Amino acid sequence: MCEAEEKWANELFSDGLIEGRIEGHRDGIVDLTKRVMKILGKTLDDAMAYLRLTDEEKQSVRCCLAT
């Protein structure tokens, strides 16, 4: 493998790790929100406020729960 191919492969691997971390973080937030709703009997908006989610995280949770 030449140096350029190796650099390209490393960049793709690194991008994949970052994407996986982001997806895992989002899935964790969705699961946590569901648990708060179930255990504390909160609505979706109340649970997200309780967890102090950012607007971006709130939008992501809503999209995940809508599907």
N, C-alpha and C. Protein backbone atom coordinates (compact mmCIF):
# COMPACT_ATOMS: atom_id res chain seq x y z
N MET A 1 0.86 -1.17 0.00
CA MET A 1 0.00 0.00 0.00
C MET A 1 0.91 1.23 0.00
N CYS A 2 0.65 2.15 -0.91
CA CYS A 2 1.47 3.36 -0.96
C CYS A 2 1.06 4.32 0.16
N GLU A 3 1.87 5.33 0.33
CA GLU A 3 1.65 6.27 1.44
C GLU A 3 0.31 7.02 1.31
N ALA A 4 -0.06 7.39 0.08
CA ALA A 4 -1.32 8.11 -0.14
C ALA A 4 -2.52 7.21 0.18
N GLU A 5 -2.45 5.94 -0.23
CA GLU A 5 -3.55 5.01 0.06
C GLU A 5 -3.68 4.78 1.56
N GLU A 6 -2.55 4.67 2.23
CA GLU A 6 -2.57 4.45 3.67
C GLU A 6 -3.18 5.66 4.40
N LYS A 7 -2.80 6.86 3.96
CA LYS A 7 -3.35 8.07 4.57
C LYS A 7 -4.86 8.14 4.35
N TRP A 8 -5.30 7.82 3.13
CA TRP A 8 -6.72 7.83 2.79
C TRP A 8 -7.49 6.81 3.64
N ALA A 9 -6.93 5.61 3.80
CA ALA A 9 -7.58 4.57 4.60
C ALA A 9 -7.68 5.00 6.06
N ASN A 10 -6.64 5.62 6.57
CA ASN A 10 -6.66 6.10 7.96
C ASN A 10 -7.71 7.18 8.17
N GLU A 11 -7.85 8.08 7.18
CA GLU A 11 -8.86 9.14 7.28
C GLU A 11 -10.27 8.55 7.27
N LEU A 12 -10.50 7.56 6.41
CA LEU A 12 -11.82 6.91 6.37
C LEU A 12 -12.12 6.20 7.68
N PHE A 13 -11.13 5.52 8.23
CA PHE A 13 -11.30 4.83 9.50
C PHE A 13 -11.63 5.83 10.60
N SER A 14 -10.89 6.93 10.63
CA SER A 14 -11.12 7.96 11.64
C SER A 14 -12.52 8.57 11.50
N ASP A 15 -12.93 8.84 10.26
CA ASP A 15 -14.28 9.37 10.02
C ASP A 15 -15.35 8.39 10.49
N GLY A 16 -15.12 7.10 10.28
CA GLY A 16 -16.06 6.08 10.72
C GLY A 16 -16.18 6.03 12.23
N LEU A 17 -15.06 6.17 12.92
CA LEU A 17 -15.09 6.18 14.38
C LEU A 17 -15.89 7.37 14.91
N ILE A 18 -15.67 8.53 14.32
CA ILE A 18 -16.39 9.73 14.75
C ILE A 18 -17.88 9.57 14.50
N GLU A 19 -18.24 9.07 13.31
CA GLU A 19 -19.66 8.88 12.98
C GLU A 19 -20.31 7.89 13.94
N GLY A 20 -19.60 6.82 14.27
CA GLY A 20 -20.13 5.83 15.20
C GLY A 20 -20.33 6.39 16.59
N ARG A 21 -19.39 7.22 17.02
CA ARG A 21 -19.50 7.86 18.33
C ARG A 21 -20.71 8.77 18.39
N ILE A 22 -20.92 9.54 17.33
CA ILE A 22 -22.07 10.45 17.28
C ILE A 22 -23.37 9.67 17.30
N GLU A 23 -23.44 8.61 16.50
CA GLU A 23 -24.65 7.79 16.44
C GLU A 23 -24.92 7.12 17.78
N GLY A 24 -23.88 6.61 18.42
CA GLY A 24 -24.03 5.98 19.73
C GLY A 24 -24.49 6.96 20.79
N HIS A 25 -23.95 8.17 20.73
CA HIS A 25 -24.36 9.22 21.68
C HIS A 25 -25.84 9.54 21.50
N ARG A 26 -26.26 9.66 20.24
CA ARG A 26 -27.66 9.98 19.95
C ARG A 26 -28.57 8.85 20.44
N ASP A 27 -28.18 7.60 20.18
CA ASP A 27 -28.99 6.47 20.64
C ASP A 27 -29.09 6.44 22.16
N GLY A 28 -28.00 6.79 22.83
CA GLY A 28 -28.00 6.84 24.28
C GLY A 28 -28.95 7.89 24.82
N ILE A 29 -28.97 9.05 24.18
CA ILE A 29 -29.87 10.12 24.60
C ILE A 29 -31.32 9.71 24.41
N VAL A 30 -31.60 9.05 23.29
CA VAL A 30 -32.98 8.59 23.02
C VAL A 30 -33.40 7.59 24.09
N ASP A 31 -32.54 6.62 24.39
CA ASP A 31 -32.87 5.62 25.42
C ASP A 31 -33.07 6.27 26.78
N LEU A 32 -32.21 7.20 27.13
CA LEU A 32 -32.32 7.89 28.41
C LEU A 32 -33.62 8.68 28.49
N THR A 33 -33.98 9.33 27.40
CA THR A 33 -35.24 10.10 27.36
C THR A 33 -36.43 9.18 27.55
N LYS A 34 -36.41 8.03 26.89
CA LYS A 34 -37.50 7.05 27.03
C LYS A 34 -37.63 6.57 28.47
N ARG A 35 -36.49 6.31 29.12
CA ARG A 35 -36.52 5.84 30.51
C ARG A 35 -37.07 6.91 31.45
N VAL A 36 -36.67 8.16 31.23
CA VAL A 36 -37.19 9.25 32.07
C VAL A 36 -38.70 9.37 31.89
N MET A 37 -39.15 9.26 30.65
CA MET A 37 -40.59 9.34 30.39
C MET A 37 -41.33 8.21 31.10
N LYS A 38 -40.78 7.01 31.04
CA LYS A 38 -41.45 5.85 31.63
C LYS A 38 -41.40 5.87 33.15
N ILE A 39 -40.23 6.07 33.71
CA ILE A 39 -40.05 5.98 35.16
C ILE A 39 -40.67 7.17 35.90
N LEU A 40 -40.47 8.37 35.37
CA LEU A 40 -40.98 9.55 36.06
C LEU A 40 -42.35 9.99 35.55
N GLY A 41 -42.85 9.32 34.52
CA GLY A 41 -44.16 9.66 33.98
C GLY A 41 -44.20 11.03 33.34
N LYS A 42 -43.11 11.41 32.70
CA LYS A 42 -43.01 12.73 32.08
C LYS A 42 -43.41 12.66 30.61
N THR A 43 -43.84 13.81 30.08
CA THR A 43 -44.07 13.90 28.64
C THR A 43 -42.71 14.04 27.95
N LEU A 44 -42.70 13.94 26.64
CA LEU A 44 -41.45 14.05 25.91
C LEU A 44 -40.77 15.39 26.18
N ASP A 45 -41.52 16.47 26.07
CA ASP A 45 -40.94 17.80 26.30
C ASP A 45 -40.44 17.96 27.74
N ASP A 46 -41.19 17.45 28.70
CA ASP A 46 -40.77 17.53 30.10
C ASP A 46 -39.50 16.71 30.34
N ALA A 47 -39.43 15.53 29.74
CA ALA A 47 -38.25 14.67 29.90
C ALA A 47 -37.02 15.33 29.30
N MET A 48 -37.17 15.95 28.13
CA MET A 48 -36.03 16.62 27.50
C MET A 48 -35.59 17.84 28.30
N ALA A 49 -36.54 18.55 28.90
CA ALA A 49 -36.20 19.69 29.76
C ALA A 49 -35.50 19.19 31.02
N TYR A 50 -35.98 18.09 31.59
CA TYR A 50 -35.38 17.49 32.78
C TYR A 50 -33.93 17.10 32.52
N LEU A 51 -33.67 16.57 31.31
CA LEU A 51 -32.32 16.14 30.94
C LEU A 51 -31.45 17.30 30.43
N ARG A 52 -32.06 18.47 30.29
CA ARG A 52 -31.36 19.67 29.82
C ARG A 52 -30.68 19.44 28.46
N LEU A 53 -31.45 18.90 27.52
CA LEU A 53 -30.92 18.65 26.19
C LEU A 53 -30.82 19.96 25.41
N THR A 54 -29.84 20.01 24.51
CA THR A 54 -29.72 21.16 23.63
C THR A 54 -30.81 21.09 22.57
N ASP A 55 -31.01 22.18 21.84
CA ASP A 55 -32.02 22.20 20.78
C ASP A 55 -31.71 21.15 19.72
N GLU A 56 -30.44 20.99 19.40
CA GLU A 56 -30.04 19.98 18.41
C GLU A 56 -30.36 18.57 18.91
N GLU A 57 -30.07 18.31 20.17
CA GLU A 57 -30.38 16.99 20.74
C GLU A 57 -31.88 16.75 20.80
N LYS A 58 -32.64 17.78 21.12
CA LYS A 58 -34.10 17.65 21.16
C LYS A 58 -34.65 17.29 19.79
N GLN A 59 -34.14 17.96 18.77
CA GLN A 59 -34.59 17.68 17.40
C GLN A 59 -34.24 16.25 17.01
N SER A 60 -33.05 15.81 17.38
CA SER A 60 -32.62 14.46 17.07
C SER A 60 -33.49 13.42 17.77
N VAL A 61 -33.82 13.66 19.04
CA VAL A 61 -34.67 12.74 19.80
C VAL A 61 -36.06 12.66 19.17
N ARG A 62 -36.61 13.82 18.80
CA ARG A 62 -37.93 13.82 18.17
C ARG A 62 -37.93 13.04 16.86
N CYS A 63 -36.89 13.22 16.06
CA CYS A 63 -36.79 12.49 14.79
C CYS A 63 -36.68 10.99 15.02
N CYS A 64 -35.88 10.59 15.99
CA CYS A 64 -35.70 9.16 16.27
C CYS A 64 -36.98 8.52 16.79
N LEU A 65 -37.71 9.23 17.62
CA LEU A 65 -38.94 8.69 18.18
C LEU A 65 -40.08 8.69 17.17
N ALA A 66 -40.00 9.55 16.16
CA ALA A 66 -41.05 9.63 15.14
C ALA A 66 -40.99 8.45 14.17
N THR A 67 -39.82 7.83 14.05
CA THR A 67 -39.68 6.72 13.10
C THR A 67 -39.95 5.40 13.74
